[in-house]
């Protein structure tokens, strides 16, 4: 999977439709290919980010 910067929740829904549960919870656990999440991650119920694998570059850690 290509690493992406997600600007909207709609983009996340398109890339990871199974993460959007019918009860309004968004479970991004163990998803790969996410470099950044949208600034506004407001969801109806719960946002779960357990073991999310964010793709970081070396320059992300440089001062």
PDB file of N, CA and C in Angstrom:
ATOM      1  N   UNK A   1       0.844  -1.186   0.000  1.00  0.00           N
ATOM      2  CA  UNK A   1       0.000   0.000   0.000  1.00  0.00           C
ATOM      3  C   UNK A   1       0.883   1.242   0.000  1.00  0.00           C
ATOM      4  N   UNK A   2       0.467   2.211  -0.759  1.00  0.00           N
ATOM      5  CA  UNK A   2       1.173   3.476  -0.830  1.00  0.00           C
ATOM      6  C   UNK A   2       0.947   4.274   0.451  1.00  0.00           C
ATOM      7  N   UNK A   3       2.007   4.941   0.929  1.00  0.00           N
ATOM      8  CA  UNK A   3       1.897   5.787   2.120  1.00  0.00           C
ATOM      9  C   UNK A   3       1.222   7.092   1.715  1.00  0.00           C
ATOM     10  N   UNK A   4       0.231   7.510   2.511  1.00  0.00           N
ATOM     11  CA  UNK A   4      -0.541   8.705   2.166  1.00  0.00           C
ATOM     12  C   UNK A   4      -0.685   9.652   3.345  1.00  0.00           C
ATOM     13  N   UNK A   5      -0.851  10.921   2.996  1.00  0.00           N
ATOM     14  CA  UNK A   5      -1.233  11.954   3.949  1.00  0.00           C
ATOM     15  C   UNK A   5      -2.731  12.165   3.760  1.00  0.00           C
ATOM     16  N   UNK A   6      -3.501  11.904   4.793  1.00  0.00           N
ATOM     17  CA  UNK A   6      -4.955  12.029   4.698  1.00  0.00           C
ATOM     18  C   UNK A   6      -5.380  13.393   5.225  1.00  0.00           C
ATOM     19  N   UNK A   7      -6.103  14.143   4.414  1.00  0.00           N
ATOM     20  CA  UNK A   7      -6.552  15.480   4.805  1.00  0.00           C
ATOM     21  C   UNK A   7      -7.978  15.475   5.342  1.00  0.00           C
ATOM     22  N   UNK A   8      -8.765  14.460   4.981  1.00  0.00           N
ATOM     23  CA  UNK A   8     -10.156  14.402   5.429  1.00  0.00           C
ATOM     24  C   UNK A   8     -10.512  12.993   5.888  1.00  0.00           C
ATOM     25  N   UNK A   9     -11.535  12.921   6.707  1.00  0.00           N
ATOM     26  CA  UNK A   9     -12.046  11.624   7.149  1.00  0.00           C
ATOM     27  C   UNK A   9     -12.623  10.871   5.949  1.00  0.00           C
ATOM     28  N   UNK A  10     -13.175  11.592   4.988  1.00  0.00           N
ATOM     29  CA  UNK A  10     -13.720  10.950   3.782  1.00  0.00           C
ATOM     30  C   UNK A  10     -12.626  10.200   3.017  1.00  0.00           C
ATOM     31  N   UNK A  11     -11.431  10.763   2.955  1.00  0.00           N
ATOM     32  CA  UNK A  11     -10.314  10.075   2.301  1.00  0.00           C
ATOM     33  C   UNK A  11      -9.958   8.797   3.048  1.00  0.00           C
ATOM     34  N   UNK A  12      -9.978   8.862   4.379  1.00  0.00           N
ATOM     35  CA  UNK A  12      -9.720   7.662   5.182  1.00  0.00           C
ATOM     36  C   UNK A  12     -10.786   6.605   4.936  1.00  0.00           C
ATOM     37  N   UNK A  13     -12.038   7.025   4.865  1.00  0.00           N
ATOM     38  CA  UNK A  13     -13.149   6.089   4.642  1.00  0.00           C
ATOM     39  C   UNK A  13     -12.994   5.387   3.292  1.00  0.00           C
ATOM     40  N   UNK A  14     -12.539   6.127   2.296  1.00  0.00           N
ATOM     41  CA  UNK A  14     -12.340   5.538   0.971  1.00  0.00           C
ATOM     42  C   UNK A  14     -11.197   4.520   0.988  1.00  0.00           C
ATOM     43  N   UNK A  15     -10.118   4.835   1.702  1.00  0.00           N
ATOM     44  CA  UNK A  15      -8.953   3.949   1.746  1.00  0.00           C
ATOM     45  C   UNK A  15      -9.153   2.746   2.667  1.00  0.00           C
ATOM     46  N   UNK A  16      -9.888   2.942   3.768  1.00  0.00           N
ATOM     47  CA  UNK A  16     -10.076   1.891   4.769  1.00  0.00           C
ATOM     48  C   UNK A  16     -11.560   1.747   5.127  1.00  0.00           C
ATOM     49  N   UNK A  17     -12.394   1.332   4.200  1.00  0.00           N
ATOM     50  CA  UNK A  17     -13.836   1.270   4.483  1.00  0.00           C
ATOM     51  C   UNK A  17     -14.187   0.346   5.642  1.00  0.00           C
ATOM     52  N   UNK A  18     -13.430  -0.713   5.843  1.00  0.00           N
ATOM     53  CA  UNK A  18     -13.746  -1.654   6.931  1.00  0.00           C
ATOM     54  C   UNK A  18     -13.468  -1.060   8.308  1.00  0.00           C
ATOM     55  N   UNK A  19     -12.733   0.048   8.372  1.00  0.00           N
ATOM     56  CA  UNK A  19     -12.422   0.684   9.653  1.00  0.00           C
ATOM     57  C   UNK A  19     -13.612   1.477  10.198  1.00  0.00           C
ATOM     58  N   UNK A  20     -14.586   1.774   9.345  1.00  0.00           N
ATOM     59  CA  UNK A  20     -15.738   2.582   9.736  1.00  0.00           C
ATOM     60  C   UNK A  20     -16.896   1.653  10.077  1.00  0.00           C
ATOM     61  N   UNK A  21     -17.091   1.432  11.370  1.00  0.00           N
ATOM     62  CA  UNK A  21     -18.076   0.476  11.848  1.00  0.00           C
ATOM     63  C   UNK A  21     -19.477   1.081  11.844  1.00  0.00           C
ATOM     64  N   UNK A  22     -20.480   0.241  11.800  1.00  0.00           N
ATOM     65  CA  UNK A  22     -21.866   0.707  11.700  1.00  0.00           C
ATOM     66  C   UNK A  22     -22.331   1.482  12.927  1.00  0.00           C
ATOM     67  N   UNK A  23     -21.665   1.307  14.076  1.00  0.00           N
ATOM     68  CA  UNK A  23     -22.079   2.019  15.289  1.00  0.00           C
ATOM     69  C   UNK A  23     -21.437   3.400  15.410  1.00  0.00           C
ATOM     70  N   UNK A  24     -20.690   3.851  14.372  1.00  0.00           N
ATOM     71  CA  UNK A  24     -20.069   5.172  14.407  1.00  0.00           C
ATOM     72  C   UNK A  24     -18.639   5.172  14.894  1.00  0.00           C
ATOM     73  N   UNK A  25     -18.135   4.029  15.306  1.00  0.00           N
ATOM     74  CA  UNK A  25     -16.745   3.910  15.745  1.00  0.00           C
ATOM     75  C   UNK A  25     -15.838   3.806  14.525  1.00  0.00           C
ATOM     76  N   UNK A  26     -14.667   4.431  14.615  1.00  0.00           N
ATOM     77  CA  UNK A  26     -13.651   4.287  13.575  1.00  0.00           C
ATOM     78  C   UNK A  26     -12.469   3.573  14.208  1.00  0.00           C
ATOM     79  N   UNK A  27     -12.147   2.398  13.694  1.00  0.00           N
ATOM     80  CA  UNK A  27     -11.073   1.573  14.246  1.00  0.00           C
ATOM     81  C   UNK A  27      -9.947   1.470  13.228  1.00  0.00           C
ATOM     82  N   UNK A  28      -8.902   2.271  13.433  1.00  0.00           N
ATOM     83  CA  UNK A  28      -7.746   2.256  12.542  1.00  0.00           C
ATOM     84  C   UNK A  28      -6.630   1.362  13.084  1.00  0.00           C
ATOM     85  N   UNK A  29      -6.956   0.497  14.013  1.00  0.00           N
ATOM     86  CA  UNK A  29      -5.967  -0.412  14.584  1.00  0.00           C
ATOM     87  C   UNK A  29      -5.305  -1.240  13.490  1.00  0.00           C
ATOM     88  N   UNK A  30      -3.993  -1.316  13.572  1.00  0.00           N
ATOM     89  CA  UNK A  30      -3.183  -2.162  12.693  1.00  0.00           C
ATOM     90  C   UNK A  30      -3.266  -1.794  11.218  1.00  0.00           C
ATOM     91  N   UNK A  31      -3.668  -0.565  10.927  1.00  0.00           N
ATOM     92  CA  UNK A  31      -3.706  -0.123   9.528  1.00  0.00           C
ATOM     93  C   UNK A  31      -2.327   0.405   9.144  1.00  0.00           C
ATOM     94  N   UNK A  32      -1.936   0.177   7.920  1.00  0.00           N
ATOM     95  CA  UNK A  32      -0.646   0.636   7.406  1.00  0.00           C
ATOM     96  C   UNK A  32      -0.870   1.618   6.261  1.00  0.00           C
ATOM     97  N   UNK A  33       0.158   2.425   5.982  1.00  0.00           N
ATOM     98  CA  UNK A  33       0.098   3.339   4.855  1.00  0.00           C
ATOM     99  C   UNK A  33      -0.396   4.724   5.203  1.00  0.00           C
ATOM    100  N   UNK A  34      -0.449   5.037   6.487  1.00  0.00           N
ATOM    101  CA  UNK A  34      -0.906   6.355   6.930  1.00  0.00           C
ATOM    102  C   UNK A  34       0.307   7.150   7.404  1.00  0.00           C
ATOM    103  N   UNK A  35       0.596   8.278   6.737  1.00  0.00           N
ATOM    104  CA  UNK A  35       1.668   9.145   7.208  1.00  0.00           C
ATOM    105  C   UNK A  35       1.097  10.186   8.168  1.00  0.00           C
ATOM    106  N   UNK A  36      -0.007  10.828   7.768  1.00  0.00           N
ATOM    107  CA  UNK A  36      -0.654  11.803   8.647  1.00  0.00           C
ATOM    108  C   UNK A  36      -2.162  11.588   8.624  1.00  0.00           C
ATOM    109  N   UNK A  37      -2.773  11.894   9.751  1.00  0.00           N
ATOM    110  CA  UNK A  37      -4.228  11.831   9.891  1.00  0.00           C
ATOM    111  C   UNK A  37      -4.802  13.234   9.726  1.00  0.00           C
ATOM    112  N   UNK A  38      -6.060  13.351   9.366  1.00  0.00           N
ATOM    113  CA  UNK A  38      -6.683  14.671   9.258  1.00  0.00           C
ATOM    114  C   UNK A  38      -6.638  15.417  10.592  1.00  0.00           C
ATOM    115  N   UNK A  39      -6.592  16.730  10.524  1.00  0.00           N
ATOM    116  CA  UNK A  39      -6.606  17.535  11.757  1.00  0.00           C
ATOM    117  C   UNK A  39      -7.897  17.318  12.531  1.00  0.00           C
ATOM    118  N   UNK A  40      -8.998  17.230  11.826  1.00  0.00           N
ATOM    119  CA  UNK A  40     -10.298  17.023  12.470  1.00  0.00           C
ATOM    120  C   UNK A  40     -10.681  15.553  12.336  1.00  0.00           C
ATOM    121  N   UNK A  41     -10.510  14.815  13.414  1.00  0.00           N
ATOM    122  CA  UNK A  41     -10.852  13.390  13.435  1.00  0.00           C
ATOM    123  C   UNK A  41     -12.103  13.172  14.271  1.00  0.00           C
ATOM    124  N   UNK A  42     -13.053  14.105  14.184  1.00  0.00           N
ATOM    125  CA  UNK A  42     -14.305  13.963  14.910  1.00  0.00           C
ATOM    126  C   UNK A  42     -15.103  12.806  14.314  1.00  0.00           C
ATOM    127  N   UNK A  43     -15.500  11.878  15.177  1.00  0.00           N
ATOM    128  CA  UNK A  43     -16.316  10.737  14.743  1.00  0.00           C
ATOM    129  C   UNK A  43     -17.526  10.632  15.662  1.00  0.00           C
ATOM    130  N   UNK A  44     -18.520   9.869  15.243  1.00  0.00           N
ATOM    131  CA  UNK A  44     -19.761   9.762  16.016  1.00  0.00           C
ATOM    132  C   UNK A  44     -19.563   9.092  17.369  1.00  0.00           C
ATOM    133  N   UNK A  45     -18.750   8.054  17.434  1.00  0.00           N
ATOM    134  CA  UNK A  45     -18.602   7.288  18.676  1.00  0.00           C
ATOM    135  C   UNK A  45     -17.157   7.330  19.169  1.00  0.00           C
ATOM    136  N   UNK A  46     -16.388   6.322  18.842  1.00  0.00           N
ATOM    137  CA  UNK A  46     -15.027   6.188  19.347  1.00  0.00           C
ATOM    138  C   UNK A  46     -14.031   6.165  18.197  1.00  0.00           C
ATOM    139  N   UNK A  47     -12.844   6.702  18.459  1.00  0.00           N
ATOM    140  CA  UNK A  47     -11.733   6.631  17.517  1.00  0.00           C
ATOM    141  C   UNK A  47     -10.686   5.731  18.148  1.00  0.00           C
ATOM    142  N   UNK A  48     -10.380   4.622  17.508  1.00  0.00           N
ATOM    143  CA  UNK A  48      -9.445   3.637  18.058  1.00  0.00           C
ATOM    144  C   UNK A  48      -8.181   3.639  17.206  1.00  0.00           C
ATOM    145  N   UNK A  49      -7.031   3.864  17.856  1.00  0.00           N
ATOM    146  CA  UNK A  49      -5.749   3.936  17.152  1.00  0.00           C
ATOM    147  C   UNK A  49      -4.726   2.963  17.745  1.00  0.00           C
ATOM    148  N   UNK A  50      -5.159   1.811  18.187  1.00  0.00           N
ATOM    149  CA  UNK A  50      -4.263   0.830  18.794  1.00  0.00           C
ATOM    150  C   UNK A  50      -3.398   0.204  17.705  1.00  0.00           C
ATOM    151  N   UNK A  51      -2.087   0.202  17.930  1.00  0.00           N
ATOM    152  CA  UNK A  51      -1.131  -0.405  16.993  1.00  0.00           C
ATOM    153  C   UNK A  51      -1.249   0.138  15.578  1.00  0.00           C
ATOM    154  N   UNK A  52      -1.488   1.428  15.455  1.00  0.00           N
ATOM    155  CA  UNK A  52      -1.518   2.039  14.127  1.00  0.00           C
ATOM    156  C   UNK A  52      -0.072   2.242  13.686  1.00  0.00           C
ATOM    157  N   UNK A  53       0.225   1.896  12.457  1.00  0.00           N
ATOM    158  CA  UNK A  53       1.578   1.986  11.931  1.00  0.00           C
ATOM    159  C   UNK A  53       1.677   3.236  11.071  1.00  0.00           C
ATOM    160  N   UNK A  54       2.140   4.326  11.665  1.00  0.00           N
ATOM    161  CA  UNK A  54       2.318   5.559  10.909  1.00  0.00           C
ATOM    162  C   UNK A  54       3.644   5.486  10.171  1.00  0.00           C
ATOM    163  N   UNK A  55       3.649   5.847   8.926  1.00  0.00           N
ATOM    164  CA  UNK A  55       4.862   5.826   8.120  1.00  0.00           C
ATOM    165  C   UNK A  55       5.591   7.144   8.331  1.00  0.00           C
ATOM    166  N   UNK A  56       6.691   7.089   9.038  1.00  0.00           N
ATOM    167  CA  UNK A  56       7.456   8.290   9.338  1.00  0.00           C
ATOM    168  C   UNK A  56       8.776   8.264   8.588  1.00  0.00           C
ATOM    169  N   UNK A  57       9.246   9.440   8.220  1.00  0.00           N
ATOM    170  CA  UNK A  57      10.527   9.564   7.544  1.00  0.00           C
ATOM    171  C   UNK A  57      11.551  10.062   8.555  1.00  0.00           C
ATOM    172  N   UNK A  58      12.832   9.871   8.248  1.00  0.00           N
ATOM    173  CA  UNK A  58      13.896  10.313   9.144  1.00  0.00           C
ATOM    174  C   UNK A  58      13.792  11.797   9.454  1.00  0.00           C
ATOM    175  N   UNK A  59      13.439  12.613   8.455  1.00  0.00           N
ATOM    176  CA  UNK A  59      13.373  14.055   8.694  1.00  0.00           C
ATOM    177  C   UNK A  59      12.248  14.437   9.648  1.00  0.00           C
ATOM    178  N   UNK A  60      11.291  13.530   9.879  1.00  0.00           N
ATOM    179  CA  UNK A  60      10.238  13.795  10.852  1.00  0.00           C
ATOM    180  C   UNK A  60      10.796  13.910  12.263  1.00  0.00           C
ATOM    181  N   UNK A  61      11.986  13.360  12.481  1.00  0.00           N
ATOM    182  CA  UNK A  61      12.587  13.363  13.810  1.00  0.00           C
ATOM    183  C   UNK A  61      13.750  14.333  13.928  1.00  0.00           C
ATOM    184  N   UNK A  62      14.102  15.018  12.849  1.00  0.00           N
ATOM    185  CA  UNK A  62      15.231  15.943  12.913  1.00  0.00           C
ATOM    186  C   UNK A  62      14.760  17.291  13.432  1.00  0.00           C
ATOM    187  N   UNK A  63      15.633  17.965  14.149  1.00  0.00           N
ATOM    188  CA  UNK A  63      15.268  19.232  14.748  1.00  0.00           C
ATOM    189  C   UNK A  63      15.474  20.330  13.825  1.00  0.00           C
TER     190      UNK A  63
END
